[in-house]
Protein backbone atom coordinates (compact mmCIF):
# COMPACT_ATOMS: atom_id res chain seq x y z
CA MET A 1 -10.10 15.11 -40.58
CA SER A 2 -10.17 14.55 -36.81
CA VAL A 3 -7.97 14.71 -33.64
CA ARG A 4 -5.54 11.79 -33.54
CA VAL A 5 -4.92 9.86 -30.36
CA VAL A 6 -1.46 8.47 -29.55
CA THR A 7 -0.50 6.20 -26.66
CA ASP A 8 2.31 3.73 -26.03
CA SER A 9 2.37 -0.03 -25.57
CA ALA A 10 2.22 0.09 -21.86
CA ALA A 11 -1.56 0.87 -22.28
CA GLY A 12 -2.11 -2.77 -23.21
CA LEU A 13 -4.78 -2.10 -25.74
CA PRO A 14 -5.91 -5.19 -27.66
CA PRO A 15 -5.54 -5.15 -31.44
CA GLU A 16 -9.22 -5.07 -32.22
CA VAL A 17 -9.81 -1.94 -30.13
CA ILE A 18 -6.81 -0.21 -31.79
CA THR A 19 -8.24 -0.93 -35.13
CA GLU A 20 -11.83 -0.01 -34.26
CA LEU A 21 -10.96 3.35 -32.79
CA ASP A 22 -7.93 4.07 -34.97
CA ILE A 23 -5.51 4.72 -32.17
CA CYS A 24 -1.82 5.10 -32.77
CA VAL A 25 0.22 2.82 -30.36
CA LEU A 26 3.89 3.36 -30.16
CA ASP A 27 5.91 0.32 -28.98
CA LEU A 28 8.26 0.83 -26.04
CA HIS A 29 11.62 -0.84 -26.48
CA VAL A 30 12.20 -4.39 -25.11
CA MET A 31 15.78 -5.58 -25.23
CA ASP A 32 17.36 -8.92 -24.77
CA ASN A 33 20.47 -8.80 -22.52
CA ALA A 34 22.94 -11.50 -21.57
CA GLY A 35 22.98 -12.00 -17.81
CA ALA A 36 24.75 -14.28 -15.36
CA GLY A 37 21.61 -16.44 -15.25
CA GLY A 38 21.10 -16.52 -18.99
CA LYS A 39 19.17 -14.15 -21.29
CA GLU A 40 17.40 -11.34 -19.42
CA GLN A 41 15.17 -8.62 -20.83
CA SER A 42 14.93 -4.90 -20.06
CA THR A 43 12.97 -2.02 -21.43
CA SER A 44 13.55 1.63 -22.37
CA GLY A 45 11.37 4.55 -23.19
CA LEU A 46 10.89 6.19 -26.49
CA SER A 47 13.26 9.05 -27.51
CA ALA A 48 12.15 12.63 -28.26
CA LEU A 49 13.24 12.08 -31.84
CA GLU A 50 11.04 8.95 -32.29
CA LEU A 51 8.08 10.76 -30.65
CA ALA A 52 8.48 13.95 -32.74
CA ALA A 53 8.49 11.88 -35.93
CA ALA A 54 5.33 9.94 -34.82
CA TYR A 55 3.56 13.18 -33.67
CA GLY A 56 4.38 14.67 -37.13
CA ARG A 57 2.91 11.74 -39.08
CA GLN A 58 -0.22 11.93 -36.89
CA MET A 59 -0.47 15.63 -37.32
CA GLU A 60 -0.66 15.19 -40.99
CA ARG A 61 -3.42 12.57 -40.69
CA SER A 62 -5.35 14.96 -38.38
CA GLY A 63 -5.41 17.71 -40.95
CA ASP A 64 -4.00 19.97 -38.27
CA ASP A 65 -6.87 19.23 -35.82
CA GLY A 66 -4.31 18.14 -33.33
CA VAL A 67 -2.80 15.18 -31.57
CA LEU A 68 -3.47 13.99 -28.01
CA ALA A 69 -0.63 11.82 -26.64
CA ILE A 70 -1.23 9.75 -23.53
CA HIS A 71 1.92 8.13 -22.03
CA LEU A 72 3.14 5.84 -19.28
CA SER A 73 3.70 7.48 -15.92
CA LYS A 74 6.70 9.74 -15.84
CA GLU A 75 7.68 7.95 -12.50
CA LEU A 76 8.08 4.69 -14.44
CA SER A 77 9.53 5.72 -17.80
CA SER A 78 11.48 8.46 -19.44
CA THR A 79 8.96 8.50 -22.32
CA TRP A 80 6.78 11.32 -20.82
CA SER A 81 9.72 13.78 -20.57
CA ALA A 82 10.77 12.91 -24.17
CA ALA A 83 7.18 13.46 -25.21
CA VAL A 84 7.07 16.89 -23.67
CA THR A 85 10.25 17.74 -25.53
CA ALA A 86 8.89 16.35 -28.77
CA SER A 87 5.58 18.26 -28.37
CA GLY A 88 7.58 21.46 -28.40
CA VAL A 89 7.97 21.11 -32.17
CA PHE A 90 4.21 21.47 -32.49
CA PRO A 91 3.15 24.34 -30.28
CA ASP A 92 -0.57 24.13 -29.17
CA THR A 93 -1.31 21.22 -31.57
CA VAL A 94 0.18 18.28 -29.59
CA LYS A 95 -1.20 17.92 -26.12
CA VAL A 96 0.74 15.41 -23.79
CA LEU A 97 -0.88 13.84 -20.79
CA ASP A 98 1.03 12.04 -18.01
CA SER A 99 -1.21 9.13 -17.34
CA GLU A 100 0.26 8.63 -13.86
CA THR A 101 -0.36 4.90 -14.42
CA ALA A 102 0.16 1.91 -16.66
CA GLY A 103 -2.11 -0.67 -18.23
CA MET A 104 -5.63 -0.40 -19.31
CA VAL A 105 -6.55 2.71 -17.33
CA MET A 106 -4.27 4.34 -19.91
CA GLY A 107 -5.94 2.29 -22.54
CA ALA A 108 -9.41 3.34 -21.36
CA ALA A 109 -8.39 7.03 -21.50
CA ALA A 110 -7.18 6.55 -25.03
CA MET A 111 -10.42 4.78 -25.90
CA ALA A 112 -12.54 7.69 -24.49
CA ALA A 113 -10.56 10.27 -26.37
CA ALA A 114 -10.58 8.30 -29.62
CA ARG A 115 -14.30 7.73 -29.59
CA LEU A 116 -14.96 11.43 -29.13
CA ALA A 117 -12.49 12.23 -31.85
CA GLN A 118 -14.34 10.01 -34.20
CA ASP A 119 -17.47 12.07 -33.41
CA GLY A 120 -15.62 15.26 -34.31
CA ALA A 121 -14.73 16.62 -30.82
CA SER A 122 -12.00 19.16 -30.54
CA LEU A 123 -8.50 18.57 -29.12
CA GLU A 124 -9.53 20.16 -25.82
CA GLU A 125 -12.61 17.96 -25.60
CA CYS A 126 -10.57 14.84 -26.16
CA ARG A 127 -7.98 15.87 -23.64
CA SER A 128 -10.65 16.61 -20.99
CA ALA A 129 -12.35 13.20 -21.59
CA ALA A 130 -9.08 11.35 -21.30
CA ALA A 131 -8.05 13.37 -18.12
CA ASP A 132 -11.50 12.55 -16.58
CA THR A 133 -10.99 8.84 -17.27
CA LEU A 134 -7.56 8.80 -15.72
CA ALA A 135 -8.97 10.58 -12.66
CA ARG A 136 -11.50 7.82 -12.20
CA GLY A 137 -9.00 5.02 -12.78
CA LYS A 138 -7.00 2.76 -10.49
CA THR A 139 -4.73 -0.17 -11.15
CA TRP A 140 -3.80 -3.02 -8.88
CA VAL A 141 -1.20 -5.83 -9.68
CA TYR A 142 -0.92 -9.20 -8.19
CA LEU A 143 2.59 -10.69 -8.41
CA ASN A 144 4.07 -14.15 -7.77
CA SER A 145 7.35 -12.35 -6.86
CA THR A 146 8.76 -8.79 -6.58
CA GLU A 147 12.14 -9.83 -8.02
CA ASP A 148 11.56 -8.63 -11.56
CA LEU A 149 10.25 -5.27 -10.38
CA ARG A 150 13.15 -4.96 -7.90
CA ARG A 151 15.72 -5.53 -10.64
CA SER A 152 14.06 -3.07 -12.96
CA GLY A 153 14.02 -0.17 -10.43
CA ARG A 154 10.28 0.41 -10.95
CA MET A 155 9.52 -0.30 -7.23
CA SER A 156 9.51 2.41 -4.68
CA ALA A 157 12.61 2.56 -2.34
CA ALA A 158 10.47 1.57 0.69
CA THR A 159 8.93 -1.42 -1.02
CA ALA A 160 12.32 -2.51 -2.47
CA MET A 161 13.61 -2.60 1.19
CA LEU A 162 10.78 -5.06 1.94
CA SER A 163 11.32 -7.24 -1.10
CA THR A 164 13.32 -9.88 0.81
CA ALA A 165 10.68 -10.20 3.41
CA LEU A 166 8.02 -10.58 0.55
CA LEU A 167 9.76 -13.58 -1.04
CA ALA A 168 7.29 -16.02 0.55
CA THR A 169 4.22 -13.97 0.05
CA LYS A 170 1.96 -13.01 -2.88
CA PRO A 171 2.23 -9.23 -2.96
CA ILE A 172 -0.48 -6.84 -4.22
CA MET A 173 0.77 -3.56 -5.58
CA SER A 174 -1.12 -0.43 -6.73
CA ILE A 175 -0.09 2.46 -8.78
CA ALA A 176 -0.44 5.62 -6.67
CA ASP A 177 0.79 9.06 -7.90
CA GLY A 178 2.48 7.20 -10.76
CA LYS A 179 4.51 4.96 -8.60
CA LEU A 180 4.20 1.23 -7.53
CA GLU A 181 3.34 0.82 -3.87
CA LEU A 182 2.70 -2.25 -1.75
CA VAL A 183 -0.95 -2.42 -0.54
CA GLY A 184 -1.19 -6.01 0.65
CA ARG A 185 0.53 -9.33 0.89
CA THR A 186 -1.02 -12.79 1.30
CA ARG A 187 0.21 -16.32 1.46
CA THR A 188 -2.03 -17.71 -1.34
CA GLN A 189 -3.45 -16.74 -4.67
CA THR A 190 -6.91 -17.23 -3.43
CA LYS A 191 -6.42 -14.82 -0.56
CA ALA A 192 -4.71 -12.36 -2.92
CA PHE A 193 -7.69 -12.40 -5.32
CA THR A 194 -10.20 -12.07 -2.42
CA LYS A 195 -8.11 -8.92 -1.32
CA VAL A 196 -8.06 -7.42 -4.86
CA VAL A 197 -11.93 -7.93 -5.19
CA ASP A 198 -12.57 -6.20 -1.78
CA LEU A 199 -10.30 -3.30 -2.83
CA VAL A 200 -12.15 -2.87 -6.17
CA ALA A 201 -15.68 -3.33 -4.74
CA SER A 202 -14.99 -0.97 -1.84
CA ARG A 203 -13.88 1.78 -4.33
CA ALA A 204 -16.77 1.21 -6.63
CA ASP A 205 -19.27 1.75 -3.84
CA GLY A 206 -22.17 0.08 -5.60
CA GLN A 207 -21.68 1.86 -8.95
CA PRO A 208 -20.83 0.16 -12.25
CA ALA A 209 -17.28 0.13 -13.46
CA PHE A 210 -15.21 -0.74 -16.50
CA VAL A 211 -12.65 -3.54 -15.58
CA ALA A 212 -9.72 -4.87 -17.50
CA VAL A 213 -7.96 -7.96 -16.21
CA GLN A 214 -4.48 -8.36 -17.76
CA HIS A 215 -2.30 -11.35 -17.24
CA ASN A 216 1.17 -12.72 -17.98
CA ASP A 217 0.53 -16.18 -19.36
CA ALA A 218 -2.12 -17.01 -16.75
CA PRO A 219 -5.51 -16.96 -18.70
CA ALA A 220 -7.26 -19.43 -16.42
CA GLU A 221 -6.39 -17.45 -13.33
CA ALA A 222 -7.30 -14.13 -15.02
CA GLU A 223 -10.77 -15.54 -15.87
CA ARG A 224 -11.29 -16.66 -12.36
CA LEU A 225 -10.45 -13.18 -11.06
CA ARG A 226 -12.76 -11.69 -13.66
CA HIS A 227 -15.63 -13.99 -12.48
CA LEU A 228 -15.10 -12.95 -8.91
CA LEU A 229 -15.07 -9.24 -9.83
CA GLU A 230 -18.32 -9.73 -11.89
CA LEU A 231 -19.96 -11.20 -8.91
CA ALA A 232 -18.95 -8.34 -6.64
CA LEU A 233 -19.59 -5.36 -8.90
CA ALA A 234 -22.96 -3.62 -9.75
CA LYS A 235 -25.01 -4.59 -12.83
CA GLY A 236 -23.88 -2.63 -15.88
CA SER A 237 -20.26 -3.10 -15.26
CA SER A 238 -18.19 -4.36 -18.19
CA PHE A 239 -15.13 -6.57 -18.36
CA MET A 240 -12.15 -7.37 -20.57
CA VAL A 241 -9.47 -10.12 -20.20
CA VAL A 242 -6.33 -9.50 -22.16
CA PRO A 243 -2.71 -10.54 -22.04
CA LEU A 244 -0.18 -8.15 -20.55
CA THR A 245 1.91 -6.56 -23.30
CA GLU A 246 5.54 -7.56 -23.48
CA VAL A 247 6.86 -4.30 -22.00
CA LEU A 248 4.80 -4.84 -18.84
CA SER A 249 5.39 -8.56 -18.64
CA VAL A 250 9.16 -7.95 -18.34
CA HIS A 251 8.67 -6.14 -15.17
CA ALA A 252 5.70 -7.95 -13.67
CA GLY A 253 7.10 -11.45 -14.03
CA PRO A 254 5.46 -14.82 -14.73
CA GLY A 255 1.93 -15.34 -13.59
CA ALA A 256 1.37 -11.65 -12.71
CA ILE A 257 -2.19 -10.30 -13.09
CA GLY A 258 -3.09 -6.68 -13.26
CA VAL A 259 -6.64 -5.20 -12.60
CA SER A 260 -7.34 -1.78 -14.23
CA VAL A 261 -10.56 -0.23 -13.28
CA VAL A 262 -12.39 2.95 -14.40
CA PHE A 263 -15.00 3.81 -11.75
CA SER A 264 -18.16 5.87 -12.24
CA THR A 265 -16.77 8.71 -10.15
CA PRO A 266 -13.43 10.09 -9.03
CA GLU A 267 -12.08 9.58 -5.57
CA PRO A 268 -14.43 11.32 -3.14
CA GLU A 269 -11.94 14.04 -2.19
CA GLU A 270 -11.39 14.78 -5.95
CA ALA A 271 -15.13 14.79 -6.96
CA PRO A 272 -16.08 17.95 -8.75
CA ALA A 273 -19.00 20.01 -7.70
CA LYS A 274 -20.96 19.19 -10.90
CA PRO A 275 -23.42 16.30 -10.85
CA ARG A 276 -22.00 12.85 -10.77
CA LEU A 277 -21.57 11.13 -14.20
CA GLU A 278 -23.79 8.12 -14.62
CA PHE A 279 -22.99 5.17 -16.88
CA PRO A 280 -26.20 2.96 -17.24
CA SER A 281 -24.50 0.74 -19.87
CA PHE A 282 -20.77 0.10 -19.74
CA GLY A 283 -19.81 -1.65 -22.95
CA PRO A 284 -16.14 -2.67 -23.64
CA LEU A 285 -15.96 0.29 -26.01
CA TRP A 286 -18.09 2.62 -23.96
CA HIS A 287 -19.04 6.09 -25.17
CA PRO A 288 -18.05 8.73 -22.68
CA PRO A 289 -20.44 11.78 -22.30
CA ARG A 290 -19.24 14.52 -24.59
CA PRO A 291 -18.18 17.64 -22.48
């Protein structure tokens, strides 16, 4: 038996990765609502009862080796607090991580932990690998409009106040400390993509990175951005282009494109005293160094 890794659908993991690494993905709820302008969608988090049942099933599969649960930022969903409650049913055998993000940085953390779990790593080793991946991750989102985010309440109060002024711009958001914040606004998609590439390349600082470009029904634009990122980043970087999952698309709106990046090192101020981790070959299903 081995440690089981659980995440939720906000991670955006593609089906082939879920199958290869045997990750348990729990679907967040997407609901159709009747609105004044026609059918509208909203989302809700998983309940403690749903999560406790899922953790119990995974615990049986693990042979009591343990379960690592990596969930959407607690600032964006109630799922994390429900997960903490649910984990109380399994003292010391279910570890819950607040990813403080959404999208494929979450997915990469689950991938790193699951790969180690397949190699027989302990629950603590898997948790450390996931936490290290999250510490090196960053997500940016290009939006055609902030309207869907504003309606959902997932936008910070300060950015929501600016939403009217942003109507004629192409805003770029980032996820910082688990919350969406405005980091740039441009008049065209081309300028927005240039800004995103600059942000990613500056943070990468010449080192290879794992990049996932996620899109809401904009495959051609996502491929274009991937190409620009590939030109800007160091040799050895790896790339994935995948659709945004439904639960993220509801909030991001049509044409949205997210860029989730796991860099070779943490932010400079968070870098540990130990030697920097090197990744000479970043494959889509890269193998993190075992602690």
